[in-house]
Amino acid sequence: MTQAGIELRLSLRRPDFELNLDLDLPGQGVTVFFGPSGSGKSTLAKLMQGFYQPSDGAILIDDRDVIGL
């Protein structure tokens, strides 16, 4: 990524589902996630807020890994 933003390259494994992300978000503006119930929207938000830790991978904000901060 060449500009400031958020990069998500991670996996989250749970007994009932697995979430795999390879996502670049812009550093400004509004991003909207939508989809049917159970598609991972709330799980993604909880990962980005640090409530869940990914099974592997990284969450980068402005090229800085923020997992565990």
C-alpha atoms as a PDB file:
ATOM      1  CA  MET A   1       0.000   0.000   0.000  1.00  0.00           C
ATOM      2  CA  THR A   2       1.429   3.354  -0.965  1.00  0.00           C
ATOM      3  CA  GLN A   3      -0.889   5.715   0.911  1.00  0.00           C
ATOM      4  CA  ALA A   4      -2.040   5.796   4.517  1.00  0.00           C
ATOM      5  CA  GLY A   5      -4.791   3.348   5.257  1.00  0.00           C
ATOM      6  CA  ILE A   6      -5.713   0.016   6.767  1.00  0.00           C
ATOM      7  CA  GLU A   7      -4.572  -3.373   5.501  1.00  0.00           C
ATOM      8  CA  LEU A   8      -6.108  -6.600   6.741  1.00  0.00           C
ATOM      9  CA  ARG A   9      -4.385  -9.850   5.815  1.00  0.00           C
ATOM     10  CA  LEU A  10      -5.602 -12.408   8.302  1.00  0.00           C
ATOM     11  CA  SER A  11      -7.517 -15.527   9.182  1.00  0.00           C
ATOM     12  CA  LEU A  12      -9.809 -16.092  12.120  1.00  0.00           C
ATOM     13  CA  ARG A  13     -10.780 -19.678  12.848  1.00  0.00           C
ATOM     14  CA  ARG A  14     -13.649 -20.630  15.112  1.00  0.00           C
ATOM     15  CA  PRO A  15     -15.322 -24.024  15.578  1.00  0.00           C
ATOM     16  CA  ASP A  16     -18.345 -22.958  13.520  1.00  0.00           C
ATOM     17  CA  PHE A  17     -16.726 -20.754  10.819  1.00  0.00           C
ATOM     18  CA  GLU A  18     -13.535 -19.398   9.292  1.00  0.00           C
ATOM     19  CA  LEU A  19     -12.980 -15.805   8.139  1.00  0.00           C
ATOM     20  CA  ASN A  20     -10.159 -15.071   5.668  1.00  0.00           C
ATOM     21  CA  LEU A  21      -9.441 -11.458   4.730  1.00  0.00           C
ATOM     22  CA  ASP A  22      -7.174  -9.796   2.193  1.00  0.00           C
ATOM     23  CA  LEU A  23      -8.410  -6.215   2.242  1.00  0.00           C
ATOM     24  CA  ASP A  24      -7.068  -2.684   1.713  1.00  0.00           C
ATOM     25  CA  LEU A  25      -9.107   0.233   3.066  1.00  0.00           C
ATOM     26  CA  PRO A  26      -8.454   3.912   2.319  1.00  0.00           C
ATOM     27  CA  GLY A  27      -7.074   6.149   5.049  1.00  0.00           C
ATOM     28  CA  GLN A  28      -9.925   8.619   4.685  1.00  0.00           C
ATOM     29  CA  GLY A  29     -13.574   8.647   3.766  1.00  0.00           C
ATOM     30  CA  VAL A  30     -16.287   6.173   4.647  1.00  0.00           C
ATOM     31  CA  THR A  31     -16.226   2.428   4.075  1.00  0.00           C
ATOM     32  CA  VAL A  32     -19.408   0.379   4.389  1.00  0.00           C
ATOM     33  CA  PHE A  33     -19.673  -3.371   4.908  1.00  0.00           C
ATOM     34  CA  PHE A  34     -22.970  -5.008   4.091  1.00  0.00           C
ATOM     35  CA  GLY A  35     -24.182  -8.539   3.599  1.00  0.00           C
ATOM     36  CA  PRO A  36     -26.515 -11.168   4.976  1.00  0.00           C
ATOM     37  CA  SER A  37     -26.616 -12.212   8.603  1.00  0.00           C
ATOM     38  CA  GLY A  38     -23.649 -14.411   9.465  1.00  0.00           C
ATOM     39  CA  SER A  39     -21.351 -13.094   6.719  1.00  0.00           C
ATOM     40  CA  GLY A  40     -18.734 -11.702   9.163  1.00  0.00           C
ATOM     41  CA  LYS A  41     -19.512  -7.969   9.377  1.00  0.00           C
ATOM     42  CA  SER A  42     -19.570  -7.805  13.182  1.00  0.00           C
ATOM     43  CA  THR A  43     -16.603 -10.155  13.430  1.00  0.00           C
ATOM     44  CA  LEU A  44     -14.614  -7.875  11.122  1.00  0.00           C
ATOM     45  CA  ALA A  45     -15.504  -4.852  13.268  1.00  0.00           C
ATOM     46  CA  LYS A  46     -14.435  -6.704  16.425  1.00  0.00           C
ATOM     47  CA  LEU A  47     -11.138  -7.702  14.801  1.00  0.00           C
ATOM     48  CA  MET A  48     -10.436  -4.112  13.811  1.00  0.00           C
ATOM     49  CA  GLN A  49     -11.214  -2.907  17.359  1.00  0.00           C
ATOM     50  CA  GLY A  50      -8.972  -5.533  18.952  1.00  0.00           C
ATOM     51  CA  PHE A  51     -11.755  -7.480  20.682  1.00  0.00           C
ATOM     52  CA  TYR A  52     -10.758 -10.580  18.684  1.00  0.00           C
ATOM     53  CA  GLN A  53      -7.224 -11.633  17.831  1.00  0.00           C
ATOM     54  CA  PRO A  54      -6.708 -13.260  14.423  1.00  0.00           C
ATOM     55  CA  SER A  55      -5.500 -16.851  14.218  1.00  0.00           C
ATOM     56  CA  ASP A  56      -2.739 -15.615  11.908  1.00  0.00           C
ATOM     57  CA  GLY A  57      -1.928 -12.611   9.764  1.00  0.00           C
ATOM     58  CA  ALA A  58      -1.733  -8.880  10.391  1.00  0.00           C
ATOM     59  CA  ILE A  59      -3.792  -5.729  10.750  1.00  0.00           C
ATOM     60  CA  LEU A  60      -1.744  -2.759   9.553  1.00  0.00           C
ATOM     61  CA  ILE A  61      -2.688   0.873  10.078  1.00  0.00           C
ATOM     62  CA  ASP A  62      -0.370   3.223   8.207  1.00  0.00           C
ATOM     63  CA  ASP A  63       2.034   0.247   7.761  1.00  0.00           C
ATOM     64  CA  ARG A  64       2.166  -0.433  11.531  1.00  0.00           C
ATOM     65  CA  ASP A  65       0.985  -3.795  12.882  1.00  0.00           C
ATOM     66  CA  VAL A  66      -1.605  -3.062  15.566  1.00  0.00           C
ATOM     67  CA  ILE A  67      -2.379  -6.607  16.705  1.00  0.00           C
ATOM     68  CA  GLY A  68      -1.892  -6.795  20.454  1.00  0.00           C
ATOM     69  CA  LEU A  69      -1.597  -3.062  21.098  1.00  0.00           C
END
